[in-house]
Amino acid sequence: MMLRICLFVTALVMSYPAFAADGMHVVVPNRDIARGEVIGDSDLVGGTIPANTVFSGIITSVDQIKGMEARRMLRANQVVRADDLRHPVLVQKGAIVTMTFEAPGVTLTASGRAMSEGGMGDTVTLQNPASFRQIQGIVTGPGAVRASGTTLSVSPATHIASAH
């Protein structure tokens, strides 16, 4: 119980700069932002909300929202939660992507079909065209995924590069 109290007090002290005497500083859109739109600096303004209306996940800094994509319509001057945002989609569901698998001294690349969509750093499901097995991978760029923890079956479309 004492540990929970200490953790609560620590979290409260660490969040103190976000609170003003009359409320909490937040970042809000200065215009309506459509679902799927990427958010830039010029789309944002600072605001303050009453401390008694604060809830979990509220965006308090420009760095938390800039460059993110809206998951839903964001209304002007309305509080934005972290759940309302995602990294821009770089891999579309159904698209053919370049899968890369790395092992010490060897890099394999192959084409695969994305079975889910994702943004930078997201985990997506891929279908290996050689084995038709589904594997997991991490999005590393537009149309590029690093396969994780799975051996790829080598097919004629597989490119093998040795590290020198």
C-alpha atoms as a PDB file:
ATOM      1  CA  MET A   1       0.000   0.000   0.000  1.00  0.00           C
ATOM      2  CA  MET A   2       2.824   2.389   0.904  1.00  0.00           C
ATOM      3  CA  LEU A   3       4.477   1.667  -2.461  1.00  0.00           C
ATOM      4  CA  ARG A   4       1.264   2.652  -4.297  1.00  0.00           C
ATOM      5  CA  ILE A   5       1.080   5.917  -2.374  1.00  0.00           C
ATOM      6  CA  CYS A   6       4.736   6.665  -3.151  1.00  0.00           C
ATOM      7  CA  LEU A   7       4.182   5.926  -6.850  1.00  0.00           C
ATOM      8  CA  PHE A   8       1.092   8.166  -6.917  1.00  0.00           C
ATOM      9  CA  VAL A   9       2.938  11.036  -5.224  1.00  0.00           C
ATOM     10  CA  THR A  10       5.908  10.609  -7.593  1.00  0.00           C
ATOM     11  CA  ALA A  11       3.607  10.693 -10.632  1.00  0.00           C
ATOM     12  CA  LEU A  12       1.851  13.761  -9.279  1.00  0.00           C
ATOM     13  CA  VAL A  13       5.134  15.602  -8.658  1.00  0.00           C
ATOM     14  CA  MET A  14       6.464  14.669 -12.120  1.00  0.00           C
ATOM     15  CA  SER A  15       3.317  15.986 -13.800  1.00  0.00           C
ATOM     16  CA  TYR A  16       3.322  19.245 -11.802  1.00  0.00           C
ATOM     17  CA  PRO A  17       4.709  21.407 -14.669  1.00  0.00           C
ATOM     18  CA  ALA A  18       1.646  20.560 -16.769  1.00  0.00           C
ATOM     19  CA  PHE A  19      -0.660  22.041 -14.109  1.00  0.00           C
ATOM     20  CA  ALA A  20      -1.259  25.752 -13.728  1.00  0.00           C
ATOM     21  CA  ALA A  21      -2.952  27.414 -10.772  1.00  0.00           C
ATOM     22  CA  ASP A  22      -6.196  27.534 -12.745  1.00  0.00           C
ATOM     23  CA  GLY A  23      -5.922  24.229 -14.660  1.00  0.00           C
ATOM     24  CA  MET A  24      -3.840  21.989 -16.852  1.00  0.00           C
ATOM     25  CA  HIS A  25      -1.999  23.101 -19.988  1.00  0.00           C
ATOM     26  CA  VAL A  26      -2.986  21.042 -23.041  1.00  0.00           C
ATOM     27  CA  VAL A  27      -2.450  21.106 -26.797  1.00  0.00           C
ATOM     28  CA  VAL A  28      -5.593  21.253 -28.949  1.00  0.00           C
ATOM     29  CA  PRO A  29      -6.315  21.510 -32.686  1.00  0.00           C
ATOM     30  CA  ASN A  30      -7.008  25.052 -33.887  1.00  0.00           C
ATOM     31  CA  ARG A  31      -9.290  23.650 -36.618  1.00  0.00           C
ATOM     32  CA  ASP A  32     -11.239  20.462 -37.290  1.00  0.00           C
ATOM     33  CA  ILE A  33      -8.855  17.681 -38.351  1.00  0.00           C
ATOM     34  CA  ALA A  34     -10.288  14.854 -40.457  1.00  0.00           C
ATOM     35  CA  ARG A  35      -9.747  11.169 -39.719  1.00  0.00           C
ATOM     36  CA  GLY A  36      -6.542  10.014 -41.450  1.00  0.00           C
ATOM     37  CA  GLU A  37      -5.035  13.511 -41.647  1.00  0.00           C
ATOM     38  CA  VAL A  38      -1.432  13.970 -40.464  1.00  0.00           C
ATOM     39  CA  ILE A  39      -1.127  16.729 -37.850  1.00  0.00           C
ATOM     40  CA  GLY A  40       1.410  19.552 -38.189  1.00  0.00           C
ATOM     41  CA  ASP A  41       2.619  22.403 -35.947  1.00  0.00           C
ATOM     42  CA  SER A  42       0.327  24.905 -37.648  1.00  0.00           C
ATOM     43  CA  ASP A  43      -2.721  22.784 -36.708  1.00  0.00           C
ATOM     44  CA  LEU A  44      -2.129  23.168 -32.963  1.00  0.00           C
ATOM     45  CA  VAL A  45      -2.567  25.739 -30.204  1.00  0.00           C
ATOM     46  CA  GLY A  46      -2.073  25.677 -26.455  1.00  0.00           C
ATOM     47  CA  GLY A  47      -4.984  25.746 -24.089  1.00  0.00           C
ATOM     48  CA  THR A  48      -5.916  25.216 -20.461  1.00  0.00           C
ATOM     49  CA  ILE A  49      -8.601  22.986 -18.996  1.00  0.00           C
ATOM     50  CA  PRO A  50      -9.905  23.039 -15.420  1.00  0.00           C
ATOM     51  CA  ALA A  51      -7.967  20.660 -13.171  1.00  0.00           C
ATOM     52  CA  ASN A  52     -11.183  18.913 -12.120  1.00  0.00           C
ATOM     53  CA  THR A  53     -11.866  17.840 -15.753  1.00  0.00           C
ATOM     54  CA  VAL A  54      -8.490  16.132 -16.299  1.00  0.00           C
ATOM     55  CA  PHE A  55      -8.607  12.491 -17.386  1.00  0.00           C
ATOM     56  CA  SER A  56      -6.077   9.884 -18.458  1.00  0.00           C
ATOM     57  CA  GLY A  57      -4.250  10.143 -21.778  1.00  0.00           C
ATOM     58  CA  ILE A  58      -4.716  13.857 -22.485  1.00  0.00           C
ATOM     59  CA  ILE A  59      -2.110  15.328 -24.850  1.00  0.00           C
ATOM     60  CA  THR A  60      -0.084  18.017 -23.072  1.00  0.00           C
ATOM     61  CA  SER A  61       2.772  18.739 -25.495  1.00  0.00           C
ATOM     62  CA  VAL A  62       3.186  19.417 -29.202  1.00  0.00           C
ATOM     63  CA  ASP A  63       5.784  16.611 -29.452  1.00  0.00           C
ATOM     64  CA  GLN A  64       3.122  14.037 -28.501  1.00  0.00           C
ATOM     65  CA  ILE A  65       0.837  15.002 -31.400  1.00  0.00           C
ATOM     66  CA  LYS A  66       2.967  16.527 -34.177  1.00  0.00           C
ATOM     67  CA  GLY A  67       3.398  14.151 -37.130  1.00  0.00           C
ATOM     68  CA  MET A  68       0.733  11.750 -35.863  1.00  0.00           C
ATOM     69  CA  GLU A  69      -2.383  10.738 -37.802  1.00  0.00           C
ATOM     70  CA  ALA A  70      -5.905  11.299 -36.482  1.00  0.00           C
ATOM     71  CA  ARG A  71      -7.803   8.046 -35.829  1.00  0.00           C
ATOM     72  CA  ARG A  72     -11.081   9.994 -35.726  1.00  0.00           C
ATOM     73  CA  MET A  73     -12.334  13.511 -36.447  1.00  0.00           C
ATOM     74  CA  LEU A  74     -10.633  15.916 -34.030  1.00  0.00           C
ATOM     75  CA  ARG A  75     -12.688  19.016 -33.300  1.00  0.00           C
ATOM     76  CA  ALA A  76     -11.165  22.487 -32.996  1.00  0.00           C
ATOM     77  CA  ASN A  77     -10.345  23.527 -29.418  1.00  0.00           C
ATOM     78  CA  GLN A  78     -11.301  20.081 -28.044  1.00  0.00           C
ATOM     79  CA  VAL A  79      -8.960  17.997 -25.869  1.00  0.00           C
ATOM     80  CA  VAL A  80      -7.106  15.214 -27.714  1.00  0.00           C
ATOM     81  CA  ARG A  81      -6.303  11.860 -26.099  1.00  0.00           C
ATOM     82  CA  ALA A  82      -3.373   9.626 -27.054  1.00  0.00           C
ATOM     83  CA  ASP A  83      -5.908   6.981 -28.211  1.00  0.00           C
ATOM     84  CA  ASP A  84      -7.161   9.459 -30.839  1.00  0.00           C
ATOM     85  CA  LEU A  85      -3.793   9.290 -32.636  1.00  0.00           C
ATOM     86  CA  ARG A  86      -1.566   6.801 -34.425  1.00  0.00           C
ATOM     87  CA  HIS A  87       1.599   6.814 -36.484  1.00  0.00           C
ATOM     88  CA  PRO A  88       0.829   7.445 -40.177  1.00  0.00           C
ATOM     89  CA  VAL A  89       0.143   4.188 -42.049  1.00  0.00           C
ATOM     90  CA  LEU A  90       3.199   3.117 -44.065  1.00  0.00           C
ATOM     91  CA  VAL A  91       2.052  -0.430 -44.821  1.00  0.00           C
ATOM     92  CA  GLN A  92      -1.469  -0.924 -46.189  1.00  0.00           C
ATOM     93  CA  LYS A  93      -3.424  -4.147 -45.641  1.00  0.00           C
ATOM     94  CA  GLY A  94      -3.193  -6.305 -48.776  1.00  0.00           C
ATOM     95  CA  ALA A  95      -0.119  -4.504 -50.142  1.00  0.00           C
ATOM     96  CA  ILE A  96       2.996  -6.332 -51.307  1.00  0.00           C
ATOM     97  CA  VAL A  97       5.863  -5.334 -49.017  1.00  0.00           C
ATOM     98  CA  THR A  98       9.569  -6.060 -48.773  1.00  0.00           C
ATOM     99  CA  MET A  99      10.244  -8.374 -45.847  1.00  0.00           C
ATOM    100  CA  THR A 100      13.750  -8.414 -44.412  1.00  0.00           C
ATOM    101  CA  PHE A 101      15.109 -11.111 -42.131  1.00  0.00           C
ATOM    102  CA  GLU A 102      18.518 -10.646 -40.557  1.00  0.00           C
ATOM    103  CA  ALA A 103      20.720 -13.225 -38.897  1.00  0.00           C
ATOM    104  CA  PRO A 104      24.390 -12.840 -38.003  1.00  0.00           C
ATOM    105  CA  GLY A 105      26.247 -12.451 -41.312  1.00  0.00           C
ATOM    106  CA  VAL A 106      23.193 -12.894 -43.559  1.00  0.00           C
ATOM    107  CA  THR A 107      20.324 -10.685 -44.700  1.00  0.00           C
ATOM    108  CA  LEU A 108      17.361 -12.168 -46.570  1.00  0.00           C
ATOM    109  CA  THR A 109      14.752 -10.105 -48.390  1.00  0.00           C
ATOM    110  CA  ALA A 110      11.541 -11.367 -49.917  1.00  0.00           C
ATOM    111  CA  SER A 111       8.189 -10.040 -50.992  1.00  0.00           C
ATOM    112  CA  GLY A 112       5.213 -10.691 -48.761  1.00  0.00           C
ATOM    113  CA  ARG A 113       1.599  -9.639 -48.462  1.00  0.00           C
ATOM    114  CA  ALA A 114       0.571  -7.430 -45.546  1.00  0.00           C
ATOM    115  CA  MET A 115      -2.392  -8.962 -43.730  1.00  0.00           C
ATOM    116  CA  SER A 116      -2.765  -5.872 -41.516  1.00  0.00           C
ATOM    117  CA  GLU A 117      -1.819  -2.209 -41.739  1.00  0.00           C
ATOM    118  CA  GLY A 118       0.665  -0.317 -39.606  1.00  0.00           C
ATOM    119  CA  GLY A 119       2.824   2.734 -39.080  1.00  0.00           C
ATOM    120  CA  MET A 120       6.501   3.104 -38.220  1.00  0.00           C
ATOM    121  CA  GLY A 121       7.421   0.683 -35.426  1.00  0.00           C
ATOM    122  CA  ASP A 122       4.053  -1.098 -35.433  1.00  0.00           C
ATOM    123  CA  THR A 123       3.861  -4.888 -35.576  1.00  0.00           C
ATOM    124  CA  VAL A 124       1.987  -6.200 -38.606  1.00  0.00           C
ATOM    125  CA  THR A 125       1.040  -9.666 -39.831  1.00  0.00           C
ATOM    126  CA  LEU A 126       2.559 -10.792 -43.132  1.00  0.00           C
ATOM    127  CA  GLN A 127       1.944 -13.763 -45.367  1.00  0.00           C
ATOM    128  CA  ASN A 128       5.082 -15.448 -46.648  1.00  0.00           C
ATOM    129  CA  PRO A 129       4.356 -16.261 -50.335  1.00  0.00           C
ATOM    130  CA  ALA A 130       6.758 -19.231 -50.364  1.00  0.00           C
ATOM    131  CA  SER A 131       5.151 -21.110 -47.473  1.00  0.00           C
ATOM    132  CA  PHE A 132       1.809 -19.257 -47.110  1.00  0.00           C
ATOM    133  CA  ARG A 133       2.588 -19.063 -43.392  1.00  0.00           C
ATOM    134  CA  GLN A 134       1.722 -15.915 -41.520  1.00  0.00           C
ATOM    135  CA  ILE A 135       4.551 -14.225 -39.677  1.00  0.00           C
ATOM    136  CA  GLN A 136       4.954 -11.055 -37.637  1.00  0.00           C
ATOM    137  CA  GLY A 137       7.122  -8.109 -38.596  1.00  0.00           C
ATOM    138  CA  ILE A 138       7.884  -4.551 -37.556  1.00  0.00           C
ATOM    139  CA  VAL A 139       7.281  -1.688 -39.984  1.00  0.00           C
ATOM    140  CA  THR A 140      10.612   0.011 -40.789  1.00  0.00           C
ATOM    141  CA  GLY A 141       9.487   2.350 -43.583  1.00  0.00           C
ATOM    142  CA  PRO A 142       7.036   2.722 -46.461  1.00  0.00           C
ATOM    143  CA  GLY A 143       6.350  -0.812 -47.744  1.00  0.00           C
ATOM    144  CA  ALA A 144       9.207  -2.258 -45.672  1.00  0.00           C
ATOM    145  CA  VAL A 145       8.947  -4.710 -42.778  1.00  0.00           C
ATOM    146  CA  ARG A 146      11.601  -6.465 -40.657  1.00  0.00           C
ATOM    147  CA  ALA A 147      10.434 -10.040 -40.036  1.00  0.00           C
ATOM    148  CA  SER A 148      10.811 -11.054 -36.425  1.00  0.00           C
ATOM    149  CA  GLY A 149      11.780 -14.404 -34.957  1.00  0.00           C
ATOM    150  CA  THR A 150      10.842 -16.535 -37.973  1.00  0.00           C
ATOM    151  CA  THR A 151      12.860 -18.346 -40.595  1.00  0.00           C
ATOM    152  CA  LEU A 152      11.727 -17.440 -44.095  1.00  0.00           C
ATOM    153  CA  SER A 153      11.389 -20.202 -46.683  1.00  0.00           C
ATOM    154  CA  VAL A 154      13.673 -19.393 -49.590  1.00  0.00           C
ATOM    155  CA  SER A 155      11.904 -18.987 -52.911  1.00  0.00           C
ATOM    156  CA  PRO A 156      13.094 -17.724 -56.309  1.00  0.00           C
ATOM    157  CA  ALA A 157      11.979 -14.187 -55.296  1.00  0.00           C
ATOM    158  CA  THR A 158      14.230 -14.231 -52.208  1.00  0.00           C
ATOM    159  CA  HIS A 159      17.416 -12.165 -52.281  1.00  0.00           C
ATOM    160  CA  ILE A 160      20.259 -13.219 -50.011  1.00  0.00           C
ATOM    161  CA  ALA A 161      23.016 -10.774 -49.131  1.00  0.00           C
ATOM    162  CA  SER A 162      26.015 -11.662 -47.039  1.00  0.00           C
ATOM    163  CA  ALA A 163      27.399  -9.139 -44.610  1.00  0.00           C
ATOM    164  CA  HIS A 164      31.070  -8.450 -45.194  1.00  0.00           C
END
